[in-house]
Amino acid sequence: MSDGPSSLRIHAFRITKEVDDRGYYVLDKHVVVTVTLEAVIQVGLSDFNLPGIIFELSFSTVEDDIQLAWTGSYGVEGTIRAKQARIDLIPGKPV
């Protein structure tokens, strides 16, 4: 389905118990997670609104393929299957 690598960038962070002066929870430990998929063979997406908020994310093996699946609390959710996957982490907020 794809000739070259495909990637997903995810901004992850921890929600603390602290509240700021505006009443919002304080977020810390920000990281940008890049999932690079090689030889994508199947894509199934729904509710394609961006940006999406991931509720749950999982990786599994289906036959000899890697499957990335997620549910969203807002926006896009679905599954992607590929022959290979790589995960890179860059500390900090996205630029």
N, C-alpha and C. Protein backbone atom coordinates (compact mmCIF):
# COMPACT_ATOMS: atom_id res chain seq x y z
N MET A 1 0.81 -1.20 0.00
CA MET A 1 0.00 0.00 0.00
C MET A 1 0.86 1.26 0.00
N SER A 2 2.06 1.22 0.62
CA SER A 2 2.91 2.40 0.57
C SER A 2 4.30 2.00 0.10
N ASP A 3 4.93 2.87 -0.66
CA ASP A 3 6.27 2.59 -1.16
C ASP A 3 7.36 3.05 -0.21
N GLY A 4 7.10 4.06 0.56
CA GLY A 4 8.10 4.59 1.48
C GLY A 4 7.58 4.58 2.90
N PRO A 5 8.39 5.07 3.83
CA PRO A 5 7.96 5.10 5.23
C PRO A 5 6.82 6.10 5.46
N SER A 6 5.97 5.77 6.41
CA SER A 6 4.88 6.65 6.84
C SER A 6 5.09 6.90 8.33
N SER A 7 4.73 8.09 8.79
CA SER A 7 4.96 8.35 10.21
C SER A 7 3.78 9.08 10.84
N LEU A 8 3.64 8.82 12.13
CA LEU A 8 2.64 9.49 12.97
C LEU A 8 3.41 10.20 14.07
N ARG A 9 3.08 11.46 14.32
CA ARG A 9 3.68 12.21 15.42
C ARG A 9 2.63 12.39 16.51
N ILE A 10 3.01 12.04 17.73
CA ILE A 10 2.09 12.08 18.86
C ILE A 10 2.72 12.93 19.97
N HIS A 11 1.98 13.92 20.44
CA HIS A 11 2.43 14.73 21.58
C HIS A 11 1.87 14.07 22.83
N ALA A 12 2.75 13.58 23.70
CA ALA A 12 2.34 12.93 24.94
C ALA A 12 2.84 13.75 26.12
N PHE A 13 2.13 13.64 27.25
CA PHE A 13 2.50 14.38 28.44
C PHE A 13 1.82 13.76 29.64
N ARG A 14 2.29 14.17 30.83
CA ARG A 14 1.66 13.70 32.07
C ARG A 14 0.77 14.81 32.59
N ILE A 15 -0.41 14.43 33.05
CA ILE A 15 -1.32 15.37 33.71
C ILE A 15 -1.11 15.23 35.21
N THR A 16 -0.71 16.32 35.85
CA THR A 16 -0.45 16.27 37.29
C THR A 16 -1.74 16.55 38.07
N LYS A 17 -1.64 16.45 39.37
CA LYS A 17 -2.78 16.79 40.24
C LYS A 17 -2.86 18.28 40.52
N GLU A 18 -1.80 19.01 40.14
CA GLU A 18 -1.74 20.45 40.38
C GLU A 18 -2.66 21.19 39.41
N VAL A 19 -3.17 22.35 39.87
CA VAL A 19 -4.02 23.20 39.05
C VAL A 19 -3.38 24.57 38.98
N ASP A 20 -3.38 25.18 37.79
CA ASP A 20 -2.78 26.52 37.65
C ASP A 20 -3.78 27.60 38.07
N ASP A 21 -3.38 28.86 37.94
CA ASP A 21 -4.22 29.97 38.40
C ASP A 21 -5.49 30.14 37.57
N ARG A 22 -5.57 29.50 36.40
CA ARG A 22 -6.78 29.55 35.57
C ARG A 22 -7.69 28.36 35.81
N GLY A 23 -7.25 27.42 36.67
CA GLY A 23 -8.06 26.25 36.99
C GLY A 23 -7.79 25.05 36.10
N TYR A 24 -6.74 25.12 35.27
CA TYR A 24 -6.39 24.00 34.39
C TYR A 24 -5.35 23.12 35.06
N TYR A 25 -5.43 21.81 34.79
CA TYR A 25 -4.40 20.91 35.31
C TYR A 25 -3.06 21.25 34.69
N VAL A 26 -2.01 21.15 35.50
CA VAL A 26 -0.65 21.41 35.04
C VAL A 26 -0.15 20.16 34.31
N LEU A 27 0.42 20.36 33.11
CA LEU A 27 0.96 19.27 32.30
C LEU A 27 2.48 19.33 32.36
N ASP A 28 3.12 18.17 32.48
CA ASP A 28 4.58 18.15 32.44
C ASP A 28 5.06 16.89 31.73
N LYS A 29 6.36 16.70 31.68
CA LYS A 29 7.00 15.55 31.04
C LYS A 29 6.54 15.39 29.59
N HIS A 30 6.59 16.47 28.83
CA HIS A 30 6.19 16.46 27.43
C HIS A 30 7.20 15.68 26.59
N VAL A 31 6.71 14.95 25.60
CA VAL A 31 7.55 14.21 24.65
C VAL A 31 6.82 14.12 23.32
N VAL A 32 7.58 14.17 22.24
CA VAL A 32 7.01 13.93 20.91
C VAL A 32 7.42 12.52 20.51
N VAL A 33 6.43 11.67 20.30
CA VAL A 33 6.64 10.28 19.91
C VAL A 33 6.40 10.20 18.41
N THR A 34 7.40 9.72 17.68
CA THR A 34 7.23 9.52 16.24
C THR A 34 7.25 8.03 15.97
N VAL A 35 6.15 7.53 15.42
CA VAL A 35 6.05 6.12 15.02
C VAL A 35 6.23 6.09 13.51
N THR A 36 7.30 5.43 13.06
CA THR A 36 7.57 5.31 11.64
C THR A 36 7.24 3.89 11.21
N LEU A 37 6.38 3.79 10.20
CA LEU A 37 5.91 2.50 9.71
C LEU A 37 6.46 2.27 8.31
N GLU A 38 7.04 1.10 8.10
CA GLU A 38 7.58 0.72 6.79
C GLU A 38 6.66 -0.32 6.17
N ALA A 39 6.43 -0.19 4.89
CA ALA A 39 5.61 -1.13 4.12
C ALA A 39 4.21 -1.27 4.71
N VAL A 40 3.49 -0.17 4.77
CA VAL A 40 2.12 -0.17 5.27
C VAL A 40 1.26 -1.01 4.32
N ILE A 41 0.50 -1.94 4.91
CA ILE A 41 -0.31 -2.82 4.07
C ILE A 41 -1.81 -2.66 4.29
N GLN A 42 -2.19 -1.99 5.40
CA GLN A 42 -3.62 -1.82 5.65
C GLN A 42 -3.83 -0.59 6.53
N VAL A 43 -4.83 0.21 6.17
CA VAL A 43 -5.20 1.39 6.96
C VAL A 43 -6.71 1.39 7.12
N GLY A 44 -7.16 1.52 8.35
CA GLY A 44 -8.59 1.63 8.62
C GLY A 44 -8.82 2.74 9.63
N LEU A 45 -9.32 3.88 9.17
CA LEU A 45 -9.51 5.05 10.03
C LEU A 45 -10.97 5.48 10.02
N SER A 46 -11.41 6.06 11.12
CA SER A 46 -12.76 6.62 11.19
C SER A 46 -12.72 7.93 11.97
N ASP A 47 -13.78 8.71 11.84
CA ASP A 47 -13.88 10.01 12.53
C ASP A 47 -12.65 10.87 12.28
N PHE A 48 -12.33 11.07 11.01
CA PHE A 48 -11.08 11.74 10.65
C PHE A 48 -11.13 13.24 10.91
N ASN A 49 -11.02 13.60 12.19
CA ASN A 49 -10.89 15.00 12.61
C ASN A 49 -9.52 15.18 13.21
N LEU A 50 -8.82 16.21 12.81
CA LEU A 50 -7.49 16.47 13.34
C LEU A 50 -7.47 17.83 14.01
N PRO A 51 -6.75 18.03 15.10
CA PRO A 51 -5.97 16.99 15.75
C PRO A 51 -6.87 16.05 16.53
N GLY A 52 -6.44 14.82 16.67
CA GLY A 52 -7.18 13.83 17.44
C GLY A 52 -6.59 13.69 18.83
N ILE A 53 -7.39 13.21 19.75
CA ILE A 53 -6.93 12.93 21.11
C ILE A 53 -7.01 11.43 21.31
N ILE A 54 -5.86 10.82 21.56
CA ILE A 54 -5.79 9.37 21.73
C ILE A 54 -6.21 9.00 23.14
N PHE A 55 -7.14 8.05 23.23
CA PHE A 55 -7.55 7.54 24.53
C PHE A 55 -6.71 6.32 24.90
N GLU A 56 -6.55 5.41 23.97
CA GLU A 56 -5.77 4.18 24.21
C GLU A 56 -5.03 3.82 22.95
N LEU A 57 -3.78 3.40 23.10
CA LEU A 57 -2.91 3.06 21.97
C LEU A 57 -2.27 1.71 22.24
N SER A 58 -2.24 0.84 21.23
CA SER A 58 -1.61 -0.47 21.43
C SER A 58 -0.89 -0.92 20.17
N PHE A 59 0.14 -1.71 20.38
CA PHE A 59 0.86 -2.38 19.31
C PHE A 59 0.67 -3.87 19.50
N SER A 60 0.47 -4.59 18.42
CA SER A 60 0.35 -6.04 18.50
C SER A 60 0.90 -6.65 17.23
N THR A 61 1.08 -7.96 17.26
CA THR A 61 1.52 -8.69 16.09
C THR A 61 0.33 -9.44 15.52
N VAL A 62 0.07 -9.25 14.24
CA VAL A 62 -1.00 -9.95 13.54
C VAL A 62 -0.34 -10.67 12.37
N GLU A 63 -0.36 -12.00 12.44
CA GLU A 63 0.41 -12.82 11.50
C GLU A 63 1.86 -12.37 11.62
N ASP A 64 2.51 -11.90 10.58
CA ASP A 64 3.89 -11.43 10.69
C ASP A 64 3.98 -9.91 10.64
N ASP A 65 2.86 -9.24 10.81
CA ASP A 65 2.80 -7.79 10.69
C ASP A 65 2.69 -7.12 12.06
N ILE A 66 3.05 -5.83 12.10
CA ILE A 66 2.86 -5.00 13.29
C ILE A 66 1.54 -4.25 13.10
N GLN A 67 0.68 -4.28 14.11
CA GLN A 67 -0.57 -3.53 14.05
C GLN A 67 -0.58 -2.46 15.13
N LEU A 68 -0.79 -1.25 14.71
CA LEU A 68 -0.96 -0.10 15.60
C LEU A 68 -2.45 0.18 15.64
N ALA A 69 -3.03 0.19 16.83
CA ALA A 69 -4.47 0.44 16.97
C ALA A 69 -4.70 1.45 18.07
N TRP A 70 -5.67 2.34 17.86
CA TRP A 70 -5.98 3.31 18.90
C TRP A 70 -7.45 3.69 18.85
N THR A 71 -7.95 4.04 20.04
CA THR A 71 -9.27 4.63 20.16
C THR A 71 -9.06 6.09 20.53
N GLY A 72 -9.99 6.91 20.17
CA GLY A 72 -9.86 8.33 20.44
C GLY A 72 -10.94 8.83 21.36
N SER A 73 -10.58 9.79 22.19
CA SER A 73 -11.61 10.48 22.95
C SER A 73 -12.13 11.66 22.14
N TYR A 74 -11.39 12.02 21.07
CA TYR A 74 -11.86 13.01 20.10
C TYR A 74 -11.10 12.76 18.81
N GLY A 75 -11.81 12.76 17.72
CA GLY A 75 -11.16 12.71 16.42
C GLY A 75 -10.82 11.31 15.95
N VAL A 76 -9.84 11.28 15.09
CA VAL A 76 -9.48 10.08 14.34
C VAL A 76 -9.10 8.91 15.26
N GLU A 77 -9.54 7.71 14.85
CA GLU A 77 -9.14 6.47 15.52
C GLU A 77 -9.10 5.38 14.48
N GLY A 78 -8.44 4.27 14.79
CA GLY A 78 -8.39 3.19 13.82
C GLY A 78 -7.22 2.27 14.01
N THR A 79 -6.85 1.59 12.90
CA THR A 79 -5.74 0.65 12.90
C THR A 79 -4.89 0.86 11.66
N ILE A 80 -3.61 0.56 11.81
CA ILE A 80 -2.68 0.57 10.69
C ILE A 80 -1.80 -0.66 10.84
N ARG A 81 -1.66 -1.42 9.75
CA ARG A 81 -0.78 -2.59 9.75
C ARG A 81 0.38 -2.34 8.81
N ALA A 82 1.56 -2.77 9.27
CA ALA A 82 2.77 -2.57 8.47
C ALA A 82 3.74 -3.73 8.72
N LYS A 83 4.74 -3.82 7.88
CA LYS A 83 5.74 -4.88 8.03
C LYS A 83 6.74 -4.57 9.13
N GLN A 84 7.05 -3.28 9.34
CA GLN A 84 8.01 -2.88 10.37
C GLN A 84 7.55 -1.58 11.02
N ALA A 85 7.99 -1.39 12.27
CA ALA A 85 7.68 -0.15 12.99
C ALA A 85 8.89 0.27 13.82
N ARG A 86 9.08 1.58 13.93
CA ARG A 86 10.14 2.14 14.76
C ARG A 86 9.54 3.28 15.57
N ILE A 87 9.98 3.42 16.81
CA ILE A 87 9.48 4.48 17.69
C ILE A 87 10.67 5.35 18.11
N ASP A 88 10.54 6.67 17.90
CA ASP A 88 11.55 7.63 18.31
C ASP A 88 10.92 8.62 19.28
N LEU A 89 11.66 9.00 20.31
CA LEU A 89 11.17 9.95 21.32
C LEU A 89 12.05 11.18 21.34
N ILE A 90 11.42 12.36 21.33
CA ILE A 90 12.15 13.62 21.46
C ILE A 90 11.51 14.39 22.63
N PRO A 91 12.28 14.58 23.71
CA PRO A 91 11.73 15.30 24.87
C PRO A 91 11.29 16.71 24.50
N GLY A 92 10.22 17.18 25.12
CA GLY A 92 9.74 18.54 24.90
C GLY A 92 8.43 18.59 24.14
N LYS A 93 7.95 19.81 23.98
CA LYS A 93 6.70 20.04 23.26
C LYS A 93 6.98 20.09 21.76
N PRO A 94 5.97 19.80 20.92
CA PRO A 94 6.16 19.90 19.47
C PRO A 94 6.43 21.33 19.06
N VAL A 95 7.19 21.50 18.01
CA VAL A 95 7.45 22.85 17.46
C VAL A 95 6.73 23.03 16.16
